[in-house]
Amino acid sequence: MEWEVGVAGLMVGLLTAVVTAPVGVSGAVFLLPVQLSVFAVPSPAVTPTNLLYNVVAGPGALLRYRRDGALTGPLVRLLVLGSLPGVVLGAIIRVFALPGPRVFRLLIAALMLPLGVWLIVRTLRPAHSAAPGPGPAPRTVVSMALAVGVVGGVYGIGGGSILGPVLVGRGVPVSTVAPAALASTFATSVVGACTYALLSVTHSGTIAPDWPLGLACGLGGLVGGYLGARLQPRMPDTFLRVLLGSLAVGLGALYAVEGLL
């Protein structure tokens, strides 16, 4: 890897994490399209490369939550229990059933557009609710984590970025969801990246992650996540959520057009 690409990956990971960390959304959601379009990472190697970013960038935020004692609740165990087998299945589906870039771009659009719309609508028109509900049952949480783990294994985002909005919408407090979703993202990213590495040994094609680029982006994300967490109290939450939602909608629309052409 040319040193210019490494520096670019470091800066992209840093800037992405600085923007996304304050609102609890994994920067991998927005980094993957950059890897496809800017760094030209081949498919399906782009997915494990993005998982590698989560592995390297995730510990900073998790350490902060661990110090606060937020990683000991039952939700963490439920999400990890469901999402780990899901991400393995998703990796197998990605390699053997969805290798083409056209289908993959349409999948990106299908995930990014709803996420962006949800962020914008939820921010500009917050729901007026009374006391929060009890939240979903443990079996429901595990089932959702399994489904999202499959999607995360295909998409390369770990799954926590999807589970977070779903659980908050079901009445679970954000303070409970955020550390659990990040822990799930980290755990599934480790397993997912290892699964892709093993599949690359037995299956032809560009399946193994781009290790230098993934590590460079991840190191930038590690620093950016720390900075973003420190900046969170000083940044308007409404501005950040609308910005992230707009970015997700724009990227989803772009890949929808490219996938359909």
C-alpha atoms as a PDB file:
ATOM      1  CA  MET A   1       0.000   0.000   0.000  1.00  0.00           C
ATOM      2  CA  GLU A   2       1.297   3.426  -0.972  1.00  0.00           C
ATOM      3  CA  TRP A   3       1.948   5.678   2.003  1.00  0.00           C
ATOM      4  CA  GLU A   4      -0.438   8.275   0.543  1.00  0.00           C
ATOM      5  CA  VAL A   5      -3.275   5.743   0.679  1.00  0.00           C
ATOM      6  CA  GLY A   6      -2.395   4.878   4.264  1.00  0.00           C
ATOM      7  CA  VAL A   7      -2.443   8.526   5.315  1.00  0.00           C
ATOM      8  CA  ALA A   8      -5.722   9.060   3.465  1.00  0.00           C
ATOM      9  CA  GLY A   9      -7.252   6.039   5.192  1.00  0.00           C
ATOM     10  CA  LEU A  10      -6.049   7.285   8.561  1.00  0.00           C
ATOM     11  CA  MET A  11      -7.616  10.716   7.992  1.00  0.00           C
ATOM     12  CA  VAL A  12     -10.907   9.304   6.658  1.00  0.00           C
ATOM     13  CA  GLY A  13     -11.230   6.990   9.646  1.00  0.00           C
ATOM     14  CA  LEU A  14     -10.417   9.803  12.058  1.00  0.00           C
ATOM     15  CA  LEU A  15     -12.867  12.303  10.558  1.00  0.00           C
ATOM     16  CA  THR A  16     -15.618   9.700  10.240  1.00  0.00           C
ATOM     17  CA  ALA A  17     -15.307   8.639  13.874  1.00  0.00           C
ATOM     18  CA  VAL A  18     -15.159  12.224  15.135  1.00  0.00           C
ATOM     19  CA  VAL A  19     -18.522  12.928  13.490  1.00  0.00           C
ATOM     20  CA  THR A  20     -20.249   9.631  14.296  1.00  0.00           C
ATOM     21  CA  ALA A  21     -18.985   8.850  17.802  1.00  0.00           C
ATOM     22  CA  PRO A  22     -20.905  11.649  19.551  1.00  0.00           C
ATOM     23  CA  VAL A  23     -24.254  10.201  18.406  1.00  0.00           C
ATOM     24  CA  GLY A  24     -23.409   6.559  19.048  1.00  0.00           C
ATOM     25  CA  VAL A  25     -23.468   5.416  15.405  1.00  0.00           C
ATOM     26  CA  SER A  26     -20.675   3.217  14.082  1.00  0.00           C
ATOM     27  CA  GLY A  27     -18.521   5.098  11.609  1.00  0.00           C
ATOM     28  CA  ALA A  28     -18.290   1.923   9.540  1.00  0.00           C
ATOM     29  CA  VAL A  29     -21.756   2.675   8.180  1.00  0.00           C
ATOM     30  CA  PHE A  30     -20.353   5.687   6.334  1.00  0.00           C
ATOM     31  CA  LEU A  31     -16.828   4.425   5.742  1.00  0.00           C
ATOM     32  CA  LEU A  32     -17.740   1.467   3.546  1.00  0.00           C
ATOM     33  CA  PRO A  33     -18.968   3.496   0.530  1.00  0.00           C
ATOM     34  CA  VAL A  34     -15.726   5.503   0.697  1.00  0.00           C
ATOM     35  CA  GLN A  35     -13.727   2.286   0.553  1.00  0.00           C
ATOM     36  CA  LEU A  36     -15.709   1.189  -2.493  1.00  0.00           C
ATOM     37  CA  SER A  37     -15.599   4.438  -4.466  1.00  0.00           C
ATOM     38  CA  VAL A  38     -12.400   6.193  -3.324  1.00  0.00           C
ATOM     39  CA  PHE A  39     -10.018   3.404  -2.323  1.00  0.00           C
ATOM     40  CA  ALA A  40     -11.438   0.912  -4.889  1.00  0.00           C
ATOM     41  CA  VAL A  41     -11.359  -2.024  -2.485  1.00  0.00           C
ATOM     42  CA  PRO A  42     -12.633  -5.025  -4.501  1.00  0.00           C
ATOM     43  CA  SER A  43     -15.778  -6.903  -3.633  1.00  0.00           C
ATOM     44  CA  PRO A  44     -16.266  -8.877  -1.405  1.00  0.00           C
ATOM     45  CA  ALA A  45     -12.973  -7.928   0.325  1.00  0.00           C
ATOM     46  CA  VAL A  46     -14.465  -4.533   1.178  1.00  0.00           C
ATOM     47  CA  THR A  47     -16.748  -6.119   3.786  1.00  0.00           C
ATOM     48  CA  PRO A  48     -14.028  -7.726   5.977  1.00  0.00           C
ATOM     49  CA  THR A  49     -11.914  -4.578   5.522  1.00  0.00           C
ATOM     50  CA  ASN A  50     -14.744  -2.588   7.058  1.00  0.00           C
ATOM     51  CA  LEU A  51     -15.092  -5.131   9.862  1.00  0.00           C
ATOM     52  CA  LEU A  52     -11.370  -4.745  10.512  1.00  0.00           C
ATOM     53  CA  TYR A  53     -11.940  -1.008  10.935  1.00  0.00           C
ATOM     54  CA  ASN A  54     -14.498  -1.760  13.671  1.00  0.00           C
ATOM     55  CA  VAL A  55     -12.075  -4.110  15.423  1.00  0.00           C
ATOM     56  CA  VAL A  56      -9.328  -1.511  15.622  1.00  0.00           C
ATOM     57  CA  ALA A  57     -11.492   1.573  16.207  1.00  0.00           C
ATOM     58  CA  GLY A  58     -13.940   0.098  18.729  1.00  0.00           C
ATOM     59  CA  PRO A  59     -11.878  -0.368  21.929  1.00  0.00           C
ATOM     60  CA  GLY A  60     -11.583   3.356  22.651  1.00  0.00           C
ATOM     61  CA  ALA A  61     -15.310   3.880  23.177  1.00  0.00           C
ATOM     62  CA  LEU A  62     -15.712   0.503  24.907  1.00  0.00           C
ATOM     63  CA  LEU A  63     -13.003   1.367  27.426  1.00  0.00           C
ATOM     64  CA  ARG A  64     -14.835   4.560  28.264  1.00  0.00           C
ATOM     65  CA  TYR A  65     -18.107   2.688  28.840  1.00  0.00           C
ATOM     66  CA  ARG A  66     -16.336   0.030  30.882  1.00  0.00           C
ATOM     67  CA  ARG A  67     -14.988   2.674  33.216  1.00  0.00           C
ATOM     68  CA  ASP A  68     -18.562   3.897  33.693  1.00  0.00           C
ATOM     69  CA  GLY A  69     -19.777   0.353  34.466  1.00  0.00           C
ATOM     70  CA  ALA A  70     -22.124   0.328  31.455  1.00  0.00           C
ATOM     71  CA  LEU A  71     -20.963  -2.981  29.963  1.00  0.00           C
ATOM     72  CA  THR A  72     -22.317  -5.278  32.660  1.00  0.00           C
ATOM     73  CA  GLY A  73     -26.049  -5.241  31.867  1.00  0.00           C
ATOM     74  CA  PRO A  74     -27.985  -8.200  30.408  1.00  0.00           C
ATOM     75  CA  LEU A  75     -28.562  -6.417  27.095  1.00  0.00           C
ATOM     76  CA  VAL A  76     -24.858  -6.740  26.242  1.00  0.00           C
ATOM     77  CA  ARG A  77     -24.992 -10.523  26.616  1.00  0.00           C
ATOM     78  CA  LEU A  78     -28.229 -10.851  24.647  1.00  0.00           C
ATOM     79  CA  LEU A  79     -26.959  -8.830  21.698  1.00  0.00           C
ATOM     80  CA  VAL A  80     -23.649 -10.666  21.527  1.00  0.00           C
ATOM     81  CA  LEU A  81     -25.371 -14.062  21.892  1.00  0.00           C
ATOM     82  CA  GLY A  82     -27.634 -13.399  18.921  1.00  0.00           C
ATOM     83  CA  SER A  83     -25.330 -11.448  16.640  1.00  0.00           C
ATOM     84  CA  LEU A  84     -22.246 -13.705  16.712  1.00  0.00           C
ATOM     85  CA  PRO A  85     -23.771 -16.658  14.803  1.00  0.00           C
ATOM     86  CA  GLY A  86     -25.554 -14.176  12.543  1.00  0.00           C
ATOM     87  CA  VAL A  87     -22.372 -12.485  11.370  1.00  0.00           C
ATOM     88  CA  VAL A  88     -20.819 -15.853  10.453  1.00  0.00           C
ATOM     89  CA  LEU A  89     -23.882 -16.711   8.374  1.00  0.00           C
ATOM     90  CA  GLY A  90     -23.808 -13.259   6.803  1.00  0.00           C
ATOM     91  CA  ALA A  91     -20.166 -13.678   5.796  1.00  0.00           C
ATOM     92  CA  ILE A  92     -20.940 -17.001   4.099  1.00  0.00           C
ATOM     93  CA  ILE A  93     -23.912 -15.452   2.265  1.00  0.00           C
ATOM     94  CA  ARG A  94     -21.759 -12.509   1.189  1.00  0.00           C
ATOM     95  CA  VAL A  95     -19.053 -14.740  -0.318  1.00  0.00           C
ATOM     96  CA  PHE A  96     -21.194 -17.386  -1.994  1.00  0.00           C
ATOM     97  CA  ALA A  97     -24.479 -15.612  -2.820  1.00  0.00           C
ATOM     98  CA  LEU A  98     -23.783 -11.863  -3.139  1.00  0.00           C
ATOM     99  CA  PRO A  99     -20.375 -11.470  -4.790  1.00  0.00           C
ATOM    100  CA  GLY A 100     -21.437  -9.010  -7.505  1.00  0.00           C
ATOM    101  CA  PRO A 101     -20.924  -5.262  -6.942  1.00  0.00           C
ATOM    102  CA  ARG A 102     -24.339  -4.344  -8.428  1.00  0.00           C
ATOM    103  CA  VAL A 103     -26.308  -6.381  -5.886  1.00  0.00           C
ATOM    104  CA  PHE A 104     -24.054  -5.150  -3.121  1.00  0.00           C
ATOM    105  CA  ARG A 105     -24.636  -1.487  -4.061  1.00  0.00           C
ATOM    106  CA  LEU A 106     -28.394  -2.042  -3.971  1.00  0.00           C
ATOM    107  CA  LEU A 107     -28.018  -3.612  -0.532  1.00  0.00           C
ATOM    108  CA  ILE A 108     -26.083  -0.549   0.641  1.00  0.00           C
ATOM    109  CA  ALA A 109     -28.885   1.694  -0.638  1.00  0.00           C
ATOM    110  CA  ALA A 110     -31.537  -0.422   1.075  1.00  0.00           C
ATOM    111  CA  LEU A 111     -29.736  -0.021   4.412  1.00  0.00           C
ATOM    112  CA  MET A 112     -28.537   3.582   4.165  1.00  0.00           C
ATOM    113  CA  LEU A 113     -31.746   5.211   2.973  1.00  0.00           C
ATOM    114  CA  PRO A 114     -33.989   4.003   5.834  1.00  0.00           C
ATOM    115  CA  LEU A 115     -31.285   4.763   8.401  1.00  0.00           C
ATOM    116  CA  GLY A 116     -30.881   8.311   7.092  1.00  0.00           C
ATOM    117  CA  VAL A 117     -34.607   8.984   6.927  1.00  0.00           C
ATOM    118  CA  TRP A 118     -35.059   7.618  10.446  1.00  0.00           C
ATOM    119  CA  LEU A 119     -32.344   9.873  11.843  1.00  0.00           C
ATOM    120  CA  ILE A 120     -33.748  12.997  10.185  1.00  0.00           C
ATOM    121  CA  VAL A 121     -37.395  12.352  11.043  1.00  0.00           C
ATOM    122  CA  ARG A 122     -36.597  11.286  14.605  1.00  0.00           C
ATOM    123  CA  THR A 123     -34.569  14.468  15.112  1.00  0.00           C
ATOM    124  CA  LEU A 124     -36.892  17.006  13.519  1.00  0.00           C
ATOM    125  CA  ARG A 125     -40.120  15.413  14.747  1.00  0.00           C
ATOM    126  CA  PRO A 126     -39.363  13.671  18.049  1.00  0.00           C
ATOM    127  CA  ALA A 127     -42.001  11.314  19.317  1.00  0.00           C
ATOM    128  CA  HIS A 128     -44.114  12.529  22.220  1.00  0.00           C
ATOM    129  CA  SER A 129     -44.319   9.615  24.587  1.00  0.00           C
ATOM    130  CA  ALA A 130     -45.045   9.077  28.217  1.00  0.00           C
ATOM    131  CA  ALA A 131     -42.938   6.856  30.423  1.00  0.00           C
ATOM    132  CA  PRO A 132     -40.755   4.442  28.447  1.00  0.00           C
ATOM    133  CA  GLY A 133     -42.064   0.917  28.000  1.00  0.00           C
ATOM    134  CA  PRO A 134     -40.464  -2.253  29.349  1.00  0.00           C
ATOM    135  CA  GLY A 135     -38.713  -2.910  26.036  1.00  0.00           C
ATOM    136  CA  PRO A 136     -38.680  -6.154  24.033  1.00  0.00           C
ATOM    137  CA  ALA A 137     -38.464  -9.575  25.642  1.00  0.00           C
ATOM    138  CA  PRO A 138     -35.042 -11.278  25.816  1.00  0.00           C
ATOM    139  CA  ARG A 139     -36.019 -13.810  23.144  1.00  0.00           C
ATOM    140  CA  THR A 140     -37.051 -10.988  20.836  1.00  0.00           C
ATOM    141  CA  VAL A 141     -33.756  -9.187  21.436  1.00  0.00           C
ATOM    142  CA  VAL A 142     -31.750 -12.314  20.567  1.00  0.00           C
ATOM    143  CA  SER A 143     -33.832 -12.868  17.407  1.00  0.00           C
ATOM    144  CA  MET A 144     -33.324  -9.269  16.295  1.00  0.00           C
ATOM    145  CA  ALA A 145     -29.611  -9.513  17.036  1.00  0.00           C
ATOM    146  CA  LEU A 146     -29.380 -12.694  14.943  1.00  0.00           C
ATOM    147  CA  ALA A 147     -31.093 -11.039  11.960  1.00  0.00           C
ATOM    148  CA  VAL A 148     -29.019  -7.882  12.251  1.00  0.00           C
ATOM    149  CA  GLY A 149     -25.865  -9.971  12.661  1.00  0.00           C
ATOM    150  CA  VAL A 150     -26.559 -11.574   9.284  1.00  0.00           C
ATOM    151  CA  VAL A 151     -26.999  -8.147   7.701  1.00  0.00           C
ATOM    152  CA  GLY A 152     -23.884  -6.904   9.449  1.00  0.00           C
ATOM    153  CA  GLY A 153     -21.871  -9.847   8.156  1.00  0.00           C
ATOM    154  CA  VAL A 154     -22.984  -9.045   4.612  1.00  0.00           C
ATOM    155  CA  TYR A 155     -22.597  -5.286   4.900  1.00  0.00           C
ATOM    156  CA  GLY A 156     -19.524  -5.070   7.104  1.00  0.00           C
ATOM    157  CA  ILE A 157     -20.904  -2.875   9.876  1.00  0.00           C
ATOM    158  CA  GLY A 158     -21.030  -5.306  12.788  1.00  0.00           C
ATOM    159  CA  GLY A 159     -24.770  -4.822  13.255  1.00  0.00           C
ATOM    160  CA  GLY A 160     -24.801  -2.498  16.254  1.00  0.00           C
ATOM    161  CA  SER A 161     -25.608   0.545  14.169  1.00  0.00           C
ATOM    162  CA  ILE A 162     -28.869  -1.086  13.097  1.00  0.00           C
ATOM    163  CA  LEU A 163     -29.770  -2.572  16.476  1.00  0.00           C
ATOM    164  CA  GLY A 164     -29.368   0.750  18.263  1.00  0.00           C
ATOM    165  CA  PRO A 165     -32.187   2.600  16.471  1.00  0.00           C
ATOM    166  CA  VAL A 166     -34.435  -0.469  16.606  1.00  0.00           C
ATOM    167  CA  LEU A 167     -34.049  -0.946  20.367  1.00  0.00           C
ATOM    168  CA  VAL A 168     -34.423   2.748  21.140  1.00  0.00           C
ATOM    169  CA  GLY A 169     -37.598   2.742  19.084  1.00  0.00           C
ATOM    170  CA  ARG A 170     -38.859  -0.185  21.191  1.00  0.00           C
ATOM    171  CA  GLY A 171     -38.457   1.819  24.398  1.00  0.00           C
ATOM    172  CA  VAL A 172     -34.979   0.882  25.645  1.00  0.00           C
ATOM    173  CA  PRO A 173     -33.073   3.931  27.004  1.00  0.00           C
ATOM    174  CA  VAL A 174     -30.247   5.252  24.839  1.00  0.00           C
ATOM    175  CA  SER A 175     -27.869   5.080  27.808  1.00  0.00           C
ATOM    176  CA  THR A 176     -28.465   1.311  27.897  1.00  0.00           C
ATOM    177  CA  VAL A 177     -28.479   0.685  24.158  1.00  0.00           C
ATOM    178  CA  ALA A 178     -25.308   2.584  23.211  1.00  0.00           C
ATOM    179  CA  PRO A 179     -22.708   0.516  25.128  1.00  0.00           C
ATOM    180  CA  ALA A 180     -24.481  -2.756  24.343  1.00  0.00           C
ATOM    181  CA  ALA A 181     -24.671  -1.963  20.621  1.00  0.00           C
ATOM    182  CA  LEU A 182     -21.001  -0.980  20.533  1.00  0.00           C
ATOM    183  CA  ALA A 183     -20.007  -4.165  22.350  1.00  0.00           C
ATOM    184  CA  SER A 184     -22.051  -6.207  19.875  1.00  0.00           C
ATOM    185  CA  THR A 185     -20.475  -4.367  16.952  1.00  0.00           C
ATOM    186  CA  PHE A 186     -16.972  -5.032  18.255  1.00  0.00           C
ATOM    187  CA  ALA A 187     -17.600  -8.724  18.992  1.00  0.00           C
ATOM    188  CA  THR A 188     -19.281  -9.443  15.665  1.00  0.00           C
ATOM    189  CA  SER A 189     -16.598  -7.528  13.779  1.00  0.00           C
ATOM    190  CA  VAL A 190     -13.861  -9.684  15.321  1.00  0.00           C
ATOM    191  CA  VAL A 191     -15.707 -12.899  14.448  1.00  0.00           C
ATOM    192  CA  GLY A 192     -16.739 -11.617  11.019  1.00  0.00           C
ATOM    193  CA  ALA A 193     -13.219 -10.551  10.029  1.00  0.00           C
ATOM    194  CA  CYS A 194     -11.831 -13.926  11.133  1.00  0.00           C
ATOM    195  CA  THR A 195     -14.566 -15.745   9.184  1.00  0.00           C
ATOM    196  CA  TYR A 196     -13.693 -13.882   6.000  1.00  0.00           C
ATOM    197  CA  ALA A 197      -9.994 -14.607   6.534  1.00  0.00           C
ATOM    198  CA  LEU A 198     -10.752 -18.331   6.856  1.00  0.00           C
ATOM    199  CA  LEU A 199     -13.019 -18.305   3.798  1.00  0.00           C
ATOM    200  CA  SER A 200     -10.235 -16.679   1.786  1.00  0.00           C
ATOM    201  CA  VAL A 201      -8.109 -19.785   2.355  1.00  0.00           C
ATOM    202  CA  THR A 202     -10.682 -22.195   0.919  1.00  0.00           C
ATOM    203  CA  HIS A 203     -12.393 -19.977  -1.667  1.00  0.00           C
ATOM    204  CA  SER A 204     -10.869 -18.192  -4.646  1.00  0.00           C
ATOM    205  CA  GLY A 205     -11.290 -14.469  -5.175  1.00  0.00           C
ATOM    206  CA  THR A 206     -10.577 -11.289  -3.228  1.00  0.00           C
ATOM    207  CA  ILE A 207     -12.133 -12.279   0.089  1.00  0.00           C
ATOM    208  CA  ALA A 208      -9.458 -11.501   2.678  1.00  0.00           C
ATOM    209  CA  PRO A 209      -9.547  -7.980   4.129  1.00  0.00           C
ATOM    210  CA  ASP A 210      -7.236  -5.258   2.874  1.00  0.00           C
ATOM    211  CA  TRP A 211      -5.157  -5.385   6.061  1.00  0.00           C
ATOM    212  CA  PRO A 212      -3.046  -2.230   5.589  1.00  0.00           C
ATOM    213  CA  LEU A 213      -6.018  -0.051   4.637  1.00  0.00           C
ATOM    214  CA  GLY A 214      -8.277  -1.526   7.312  1.00  0.00           C
ATOM    215  CA  LEU A 215      -5.645  -0.978   9.994  1.00  0.00           C
ATOM    216  CA  ALA A 216      -4.951   2.576   8.810  1.00  0.00           C
ATOM    217  CA  CYS A 217      -8.654   3.506   8.845  1.00  0.00           C
ATOM    218  CA  GLY A 218      -9.083   1.764  12.190  1.00  0.00           C
ATOM    219  CA  LEU A 219      -6.225   3.643  13.836  1.00  0.00           C
ATOM    220  CA  GLY A 220      -7.754   6.889  12.616  1.00  0.00           C
ATOM    221  CA  GLY A 221     -11.114   5.750  13.974  1.00  0.00           C
ATOM    222  CA  LEU A 222      -9.549   4.878  17.327  1.00  0.00           C
ATOM    223  CA  VAL A 223      -8.267   8.434  17.736  1.00  0.00           C
ATOM    224  CA  GLY A 224     -11.383   9.988  16.193  1.00  0.00           C
ATOM    225  CA  GLY A 225     -13.717   8.026  18.442  1.00  0.00           C
ATOM    226  CA  TYR A 226     -11.895   9.265  21.514  1.00  0.00           C
ATOM    227  CA  LEU A 227     -12.011  12.861  20.273  1.00  0.00           C
ATOM    228  CA  GLY A 228     -15.673  12.562  19.323  1.00  0.00           C
ATOM    229  CA  ALA A 229     -16.581  11.268  22.760  1.00  0.00           C
ATOM    230  CA  ARG A 230     -14.735  14.193  24.348  1.00  0.00           C
ATOM    231  CA  LEU A 231     -16.457  16.706  22.045  1.00  0.00           C
ATOM    232  CA  GLN A 232     -19.972  15.321  22.519  1.00  0.00           C
ATOM    233  CA  PRO A 233     -21.020  17.688  25.358  1.00  0.00           C
ATOM    234  CA  ARG A 234     -19.949  20.698  23.277  1.00  0.00           C
ATOM    235  CA  MET A 235     -21.710  19.789  20.006  1.00  0.00           C
ATOM    236  CA  PRO A 236     -25.453  20.318  19.317  1.00  0.00           C
ATOM    237  CA  ASP A 237     -27.109  16.919  19.122  1.00  0.00           C
ATOM    238  CA  THR A 238     -29.709  18.096  16.600  1.00  0.00           C
ATOM    239  CA  PHE A 239     -27.057  19.296  14.163  1.00  0.00           C
ATOM    240  CA  LEU A 240     -25.103  16.036  14.338  1.00  0.00           C
ATOM    241  CA  ARG A 241     -28.131  13.801  13.836  1.00  0.00           C
ATOM    242  CA  VAL A 242     -29.424  15.797  10.882  1.00  0.00           C
ATOM    243  CA  LEU A 243     -25.942  15.807   9.356  1.00  0.00           C
ATOM    244  CA  LEU A 244     -25.602  12.047   9.712  1.00  0.00           C
ATOM    245  CA  GLY A 245     -29.093  11.443   8.376  1.00  0.00           C
ATOM    246  CA  SER A 246     -28.469  13.649   5.350  1.00  0.00           C
ATOM    247  CA  LEU A 247     -25.176  11.895   4.635  1.00  0.00           C
ATOM    248  CA  ALA A 248     -26.800   8.467   4.865  1.00  0.00           C
ATOM    249  CA  VAL A 249     -29.661   9.478   2.547  1.00  0.00           C
ATOM    250  CA  GLY A 250     -27.262  11.002   0.028  1.00  0.00           C
ATOM    251  CA  LEU A 251     -24.996   7.958  -0.026  1.00  0.00           C
ATOM    252  CA  GLY A 252     -27.955   5.578  -0.204  1.00  0.00           C
ATOM    253  CA  ALA A 253     -29.452   7.476  -3.134  1.00  0.00           C
ATOM    254  CA  LEU A 254     -26.101   7.512  -4.943  1.00  0.00           C
ATOM    255  CA  TYR A 255     -25.643   3.764  -4.695  1.00  0.00           C
ATOM    256  CA  ALA A 256     -29.292   3.103  -5.563  1.00  0.00           C
ATOM    257  CA  VAL A 257     -28.793   4.969  -8.842  1.00  0.00           C
ATOM    258  CA  GLU A 258     -25.471   3.240  -9.549  1.00  0.00           C
ATOM    259  CA  GLY A 259     -26.938  -0.162  -8.749  1.00  0.00           C
ATOM    260  CA  LEU A 260     -29.928   0.296 -11.027  1.00  0.00           C
ATOM    261  CA  LEU A 261     -27.981   1.661 -14.016  1.00  0.00           C
END
